[in-house]
Amino acid sequence: MEKAAKEQMLGEIKEAFQNVASVVIADYRGIRVPVVTTMRDDFRKAGCHYRVLKNSLVKIAVKGSRMEPISQLMVGTTAVIWSNETPQTPAQIALKWAKDEPKFKIMGGYFEGQVLDVAGVDALAKMPGKNEIRASMLMTFLAAPQSFVAQLVAGPQNFAYLLDARKRQLES
């Protein structure tokens, strides 16, 4: 690789990792090309990036940044999977592929300044996403007013039921 090409690739890696939400590092050795192509498509559809990058270039690109700890994972044939949007998506898809394809092995990951082992990547995949958190917060915010309205309506509603029951009793 020529020096100009290396510097261009280095710049691309630095730019890509600037606003990264999470990274998953995997060993893809021995996987056939059609399978890797399908895998890339799955990651791309989910808004993730899947690239095979030179380990030395990644180590140089992250040196001195908050992502420097991932250098220890850059050993052997590695695929780097990352997302700038949702942190759990790369981990979820990578774990799905690791189950389906025995040669695809997750080596670790990175999330919020911490290097993750395989168990950490699994825990990251199980985290609720933004939409799930928003939905639970919305339900929490709505629970109190709904309960209050139910209490306000309960008195007159029960009185109406009582009057209706008394009316039926008198009619019979």
Protein backbone atom coordinates (compact mmCIF):
# COMPACT_ATOMS: atom_id res chain seq x y z
CA MET A 1 0.00 0.00 0.00
CA GLU A 2 1.45 3.35 -0.99
CA LYS A 3 2.01 6.07 1.57
CA ALA A 4 -0.65 8.36 0.04
CA ALA A 5 -3.20 5.54 0.09
CA LYS A 6 -2.33 4.71 3.70
CA GLU A 7 -2.76 8.34 4.74
CA GLN A 8 -6.09 8.54 2.94
CA MET A 9 -7.26 5.33 4.64
CA LEU A 10 -6.03 6.67 7.99
CA GLY A 11 -8.06 9.83 7.49
CA GLU A 12 -11.16 7.79 6.61
CA ILE A 13 -10.77 5.64 9.73
CA LYS A 14 -10.31 8.67 11.99
CA GLU A 15 -13.36 10.36 10.48
CA ALA A 16 -15.48 7.22 10.77
CA PHE A 17 -14.54 6.68 14.42
CA GLN A 18 -15.05 10.30 15.43
CA ASN A 19 -18.72 9.96 16.46
CA VAL A 20 -18.94 6.21 16.92
CA ALA A 21 -21.57 4.83 19.31
CA SER A 22 -20.09 1.34 19.62
CA VAL A 23 -17.67 -1.01 17.88
CA VAL A 24 -17.60 -4.80 17.58
CA ILE A 25 -14.40 -6.58 16.54
CA ALA A 26 -14.80 -10.03 15.00
CA ASP A 27 -12.64 -12.71 13.39
CA TYR A 28 -14.02 -13.61 9.98
CA ARG A 29 -11.31 -16.08 8.89
CA GLY A 30 -12.60 -18.98 6.80
CA ILE A 31 -15.97 -17.51 5.89
CA ARG A 32 -16.87 -17.76 2.22
CA VAL A 33 -17.31 -14.58 0.18
CA PRO A 34 -21.08 -14.95 -0.49
CA VAL A 35 -21.68 -15.31 3.26
CA VAL A 36 -19.57 -12.22 4.02
CA THR A 37 -21.47 -10.29 1.35
CA THR A 38 -24.80 -11.26 2.93
CA MET A 39 -23.40 -10.32 6.33
CA ARG A 40 -22.31 -6.89 5.07
CA ASP A 41 -25.78 -6.34 3.62
CA ASP A 42 -27.40 -7.17 6.97
CA PHE A 43 -25.18 -4.70 8.78
CA ARG A 44 -25.71 -2.02 6.13
CA LYS A 45 -29.52 -2.40 6.27
CA ALA A 46 -29.38 -1.87 10.04
CA GLY A 47 -27.35 1.34 9.66
CA CYS A 48 -24.03 -0.21 10.67
CA HIS A 49 -20.66 -0.22 8.94
CA TYR A 50 -18.73 -3.46 8.33
CA ARG A 51 -15.16 -3.09 7.12
CA VAL A 52 -12.03 -5.15 7.06
CA LEU A 53 -9.27 -2.73 8.01
CA LYS A 54 -5.56 -3.18 8.49
CA ASN A 55 -4.87 -3.64 12.18
CA SER A 56 -1.85 -1.35 12.09
CA LEU A 57 -3.86 1.47 10.49
CA VAL A 58 -6.62 1.17 13.08
CA LYS A 59 -4.04 1.25 15.88
CA ILE A 60 -2.47 4.40 14.42
CA ALA A 61 -5.89 6.02 13.84
CA VAL A 62 -7.10 5.50 17.42
CA LYS A 63 -3.81 6.36 19.11
CA GLY A 64 -4.29 9.25 21.51
CA SER A 65 -8.09 9.17 21.18
CA ARG A 66 -10.77 7.89 23.53
CA MET A 67 -10.87 4.68 21.47
CA GLU A 68 -7.21 3.77 21.99
CA PRO A 69 -8.05 0.75 24.21
CA ILE A 70 -9.45 -1.18 21.20
CA SER A 71 -5.89 -1.54 19.91
CA GLN A 72 -5.51 -4.63 22.09
CA LEU A 73 -8.32 -6.35 20.13
CA MET A 74 -6.73 -5.71 16.74
CA VAL A 75 -4.98 -9.06 16.32
CA GLY A 76 -5.26 -11.43 13.37
CA THR A 77 -7.90 -11.19 10.67
CA THR A 78 -10.39 -8.71 12.02
CA ALA A 79 -13.61 -7.20 10.80
CA VAL A 80 -14.58 -3.91 12.41
CA ILE A 81 -18.30 -3.28 12.80
CA TRP A 82 -19.57 0.03 14.13
CA SER A 83 -22.60 2.27 14.33
CA ASN A 84 -22.90 6.01 14.79
CA GLU A 85 -26.59 5.80 15.68
CA THR A 86 -27.53 2.95 18.01
CA PRO A 87 -24.89 1.26 20.15
CA GLN A 88 -26.62 -2.11 20.52
CA THR A 89 -27.35 -2.76 16.82
CA PRO A 90 -23.85 -3.92 15.76
CA ALA A 91 -23.69 -6.23 18.78
CA GLN A 92 -27.15 -7.69 18.11
CA ILE A 93 -26.44 -8.47 14.46
CA ALA A 94 -22.91 -9.73 15.19
CA LEU A 95 -24.25 -12.13 17.83
CA LYS A 96 -26.92 -13.37 15.41
CA TRP A 97 -24.22 -14.05 12.80
CA ALA A 98 -21.94 -15.69 15.38
CA LYS A 99 -24.73 -18.18 16.15
CA ASP A 100 -25.48 -18.86 12.47
CA GLU A 101 -21.88 -18.95 11.22
CA PRO A 102 -19.45 -20.88 13.48
CA LYS A 103 -16.36 -19.36 11.81
CA PHE A 104 -17.49 -15.82 12.66
CA LYS A 105 -16.09 -15.23 16.14
CA ILE A 106 -16.63 -12.07 18.15
CA MET A 107 -13.38 -10.98 19.77
CA GLY A 108 -14.70 -8.01 21.73
CA GLY A 109 -15.97 -4.50 21.37
CA TYR A 110 -15.95 -0.93 22.54
CA PHE A 111 -18.68 1.16 24.19
CA GLU A 112 -18.41 4.50 26.01
CA GLY A 113 -14.68 4.37 26.66
CA GLN A 114 -14.57 0.74 27.72
CA VAL A 115 -13.24 -2.31 25.93
CA LEU A 116 -15.78 -5.13 26.03
CA ASP A 117 -15.15 -8.85 26.05
CA VAL A 118 -17.58 -11.29 24.43
CA ALA A 119 -19.85 -11.20 27.51
CA GLY A 120 -19.80 -7.39 27.37
CA VAL A 121 -20.84 -7.46 23.72
CA ASP A 122 -23.67 -9.82 24.67
CA ALA A 123 -24.77 -7.43 27.44
CA LEU A 124 -24.60 -4.50 25.01
CA ALA A 125 -26.86 -6.38 22.58
CA LYS A 126 -29.47 -6.86 25.31
CA MET A 127 -29.62 -3.17 26.19
CA PRO A 128 -32.88 -1.46 25.30
CA GLY A 129 -32.70 0.91 22.34
CA LYS A 130 -33.64 4.58 22.22
CA ASN A 131 -37.19 3.85 21.11
CA GLU A 132 -37.77 1.32 23.92
CA ILE A 133 -36.44 3.77 26.51
CA ARG A 134 -38.59 6.57 25.10
CA ALA A 135 -41.67 4.34 25.18
CA SER A 136 -41.08 3.33 28.81
CA MET A 137 -40.51 6.96 29.82
CA LEU A 138 -43.68 8.02 28.03
CA MET A 139 -45.66 5.30 29.81
CA THR A 140 -44.18 6.42 33.14
CA PHE A 141 -45.15 10.03 32.46
CA LEU A 142 -48.66 9.03 31.38
CA ALA A 143 -49.31 6.66 34.30
CA ALA A 144 -49.90 9.37 36.93
CA PRO A 145 -52.37 11.48 34.89
CA GLN A 146 -54.26 8.36 33.79
CA SER A 147 -54.54 7.20 37.39
CA PHE A 148 -55.68 10.67 38.48
CA VAL A 149 -58.39 10.81 35.81
CA ALA A 150 -59.55 7.31 36.73
CA GLN A 151 -59.91 8.42 40.37
CA LEU A 152 -61.87 11.53 39.35
CA VAL A 153 -64.27 9.52 37.21
CA ALA A 154 -64.68 6.64 39.69
CA GLY A 155 -66.96 8.48 42.14
CA PRO A 156 -69.64 9.70 39.68
CA GLN A 157 -69.38 6.46 37.71
CA ASN A 158 -70.01 4.34 40.81
CA PHE A 159 -72.91 6.61 41.77
CA ALA A 160 -74.43 6.13 38.29
CA TYR A 161 -74.06 2.34 38.68
CA LEU A 162 -75.75 2.54 42.08
CA LEU A 163 -78.69 4.53 40.67
CA ASP A 164 -79.04 2.09 37.77
CA ALA A 165 -79.02 -0.89 40.15
CA ARG A 166 -81.67 0.76 42.37
CA LYS A 167 -83.82 1.52 39.29
CA ARG A 168 -83.70 -2.12 38.21
CA GLN A 169 -84.54 -3.21 41.76
CA LEU A 170 -87.63 -0.97 41.89
CA GLU A 171 -88.81 -2.10 38.43
CA SER A 172 -88.81 -5.75 39.42
